[in-house]
Amino acid sequence: MSSEKKRADREDGFKQLVDLLDPNTHCLVQLHRLRDAVFAEGALSGKHKHLIALAMAVGARCDALIDYYVDQALCAGSTREEILEAVNLAVFMGAEFSALSGVEAMAAVRQSEAKGCMNS
């Protein structure tokens, strides 16, 4: 399925969900209000906030949010190069988390070896 089709399906599904619920009390409406406040211009520009959100979506491996924040970043004026840097940051952070977890795994190996096998 193309990314345009997936995006259209998600948008349609979201609209159907909102139509079924009371728009004045539903948590998604509140979430949208919070999003508007969070992404407003401040110490960080909206563009930079969308790039950060994109990096987080990449790190979380969430296709829906990746598509959404790519669109938002582009609409906020981000360049292809800026988006690539945000993606590279997410890839690096994933590798760094994995490397640190690898260190913890090897520490667990040392501890287990010192105690001996518990299955015997």
Protein backbone atom coordinates (compact mmCIF):
# COMPACT_ATOMS: atom_id res chain seq x y z
CA MET A 1 0.00 0.00 0.00
CA SER A 2 1.37 3.41 -0.92
CA SER A 3 2.20 5.95 1.77
CA GLU A 4 -0.43 8.31 0.31
CA LYS A 5 -3.09 5.59 0.62
CA LYS A 6 -2.01 4.76 4.19
CA ARG A 7 -2.12 8.43 5.11
CA ALA A 8 -5.56 8.88 3.58
CA ASP A 9 -6.84 5.76 5.37
CA ARG A 10 -5.51 7.01 8.72
CA GLU A 11 -7.04 10.45 8.22
CA ASP A 12 -10.37 8.91 7.23
CA GLY A 13 -10.31 6.55 10.21
CA PHE A 14 -9.53 9.42 12.57
CA LYS A 15 -12.38 11.51 11.15
CA GLN A 16 -14.77 8.58 11.56
CA LEU A 17 -13.65 8.09 15.15
CA VAL A 18 -14.12 11.76 16.00
CA ASP A 19 -17.56 11.75 14.34
CA LEU A 20 -18.66 8.92 16.65
CA LEU A 21 -17.66 10.74 19.81
CA ASP A 22 -18.80 13.90 21.54
CA PRO A 23 -16.34 16.46 20.16
CA ASN A 24 -16.53 18.61 23.31
CA THR A 25 -15.36 15.94 25.74
CA HIS A 26 -13.34 13.44 23.76
CA CYS A 27 -9.69 13.07 24.73
CA LEU A 28 -8.55 13.37 21.10
CA VAL A 29 -9.91 16.90 20.96
CA GLN A 30 -7.99 17.72 24.13
CA LEU A 31 -4.90 16.11 22.65
CA HIS A 32 -5.19 18.34 19.58
CA ARG A 33 -5.47 21.40 21.79
CA LEU A 34 -2.39 20.32 23.69
CA ARG A 35 -0.57 19.71 20.39
CA ASP A 36 -1.43 23.23 19.23
CA ALA A 37 0.00 24.67 22.44
CA VAL A 38 3.13 22.50 22.40
CA PHE A 39 3.95 23.25 18.76
CA ALA A 40 3.35 27.00 19.05
CA GLU A 41 6.34 29.23 18.44
CA GLY A 42 8.38 29.73 21.58
CA ALA A 43 12.01 29.31 22.60
CA LEU A 44 12.07 26.61 19.91
CA SER A 45 10.54 27.31 16.54
CA GLY A 46 7.62 25.21 15.33
CA LYS A 47 9.91 23.87 12.62
CA HIS A 48 12.44 22.64 15.16
CA LYS A 49 9.71 21.15 17.33
CA HIS A 50 8.41 19.17 14.34
CA LEU A 51 11.93 17.93 13.57
CA ILE A 52 12.30 16.74 17.18
CA ALA A 53 8.91 15.02 17.01
CA LEU A 54 9.95 13.35 13.75
CA ALA A 55 13.14 12.05 15.34
CA MET A 56 11.10 10.66 18.22
CA ALA A 57 8.65 9.00 15.81
CA VAL A 58 11.56 7.38 13.95
CA GLY A 59 12.99 6.16 17.25
CA ALA A 60 9.59 4.75 18.23
CA ARG A 61 9.24 3.12 14.78
CA CYS A 62 5.76 4.58 14.34
CA ASP A 63 4.94 4.79 10.63
CA ALA A 64 1.81 6.88 11.18
CA LEU A 65 3.67 9.52 13.16
CA ILE A 66 6.66 9.44 10.81
CA ASP A 67 4.36 10.26 7.89
CA TYR A 68 2.57 12.93 9.91
CA TYR A 69 5.70 14.67 11.20
CA VAL A 70 7.46 14.55 7.83
CA ASP A 71 4.46 16.43 6.42
CA GLN A 72 4.40 18.83 9.39
CA ALA A 73 8.15 19.46 9.20
CA LEU A 74 7.95 20.20 5.47
CA CYS A 75 4.96 22.50 5.97
CA ALA A 76 6.86 24.29 8.74
CA GLY A 77 9.67 25.02 6.28
CA SER A 78 12.11 22.21 7.02
CA THR A 79 14.41 21.22 4.20
CA ARG A 80 15.20 17.70 3.07
CA GLU A 81 18.65 18.10 4.63
CA GLU A 82 17.20 19.14 8.00
CA ILE A 83 14.85 16.16 7.97
CA LEU A 84 17.78 13.88 7.15
CA GLU A 85 19.72 15.26 10.11
CA ALA A 86 16.74 14.61 12.42
CA VAL A 87 16.48 11.05 11.09
CA ASN A 88 20.23 10.55 11.51
CA LEU A 89 19.93 11.71 15.11
CA ALA A 90 17.18 9.15 15.76
CA VAL A 91 19.27 6.38 14.16
CA PHE A 92 22.28 7.35 16.29
CA MET A 93 20.23 7.43 19.48
CA GLY A 94 18.84 3.97 18.69
CA ALA A 95 22.35 2.66 18.18
CA GLU A 96 23.53 4.33 21.36
CA PHE A 97 20.68 2.78 23.38
CA SER A 98 21.54 -0.61 21.90
CA ALA A 99 25.24 -0.20 22.67
CA LEU A 100 24.51 0.70 26.29
CA SER A 101 22.10 -2.22 26.58
CA GLY A 102 24.84 -4.44 25.19
CA VAL A 103 27.15 -3.29 27.98
CA GLU A 104 24.44 -4.19 30.52
CA ALA A 105 23.98 -7.59 28.88
CA MET A 106 27.68 -8.35 29.15
CA ALA A 107 27.66 -7.27 32.81
CA ALA A 108 24.82 -9.74 33.37
CA VAL A 109 26.91 -12.45 31.68
CA ARG A 110 29.79 -11.75 34.08
CA GLN A 111 27.47 -11.90 37.08
CA SER A 112 25.85 -15.13 35.90
CA GLU A 113 29.22 -16.74 35.19
CA ALA A 114 30.40 -15.80 38.67
CA LYS A 115 27.33 -17.42 40.27
CA GLY A 116 27.42 -20.50 38.07
CA CYS A 117 24.59 -22.05 36.09
CA MET A 118 21.37 -22.12 38.09
CA ASN A 119 19.81 -24.93 35.99
CA SER A 120 22.21 -27.60 37.13
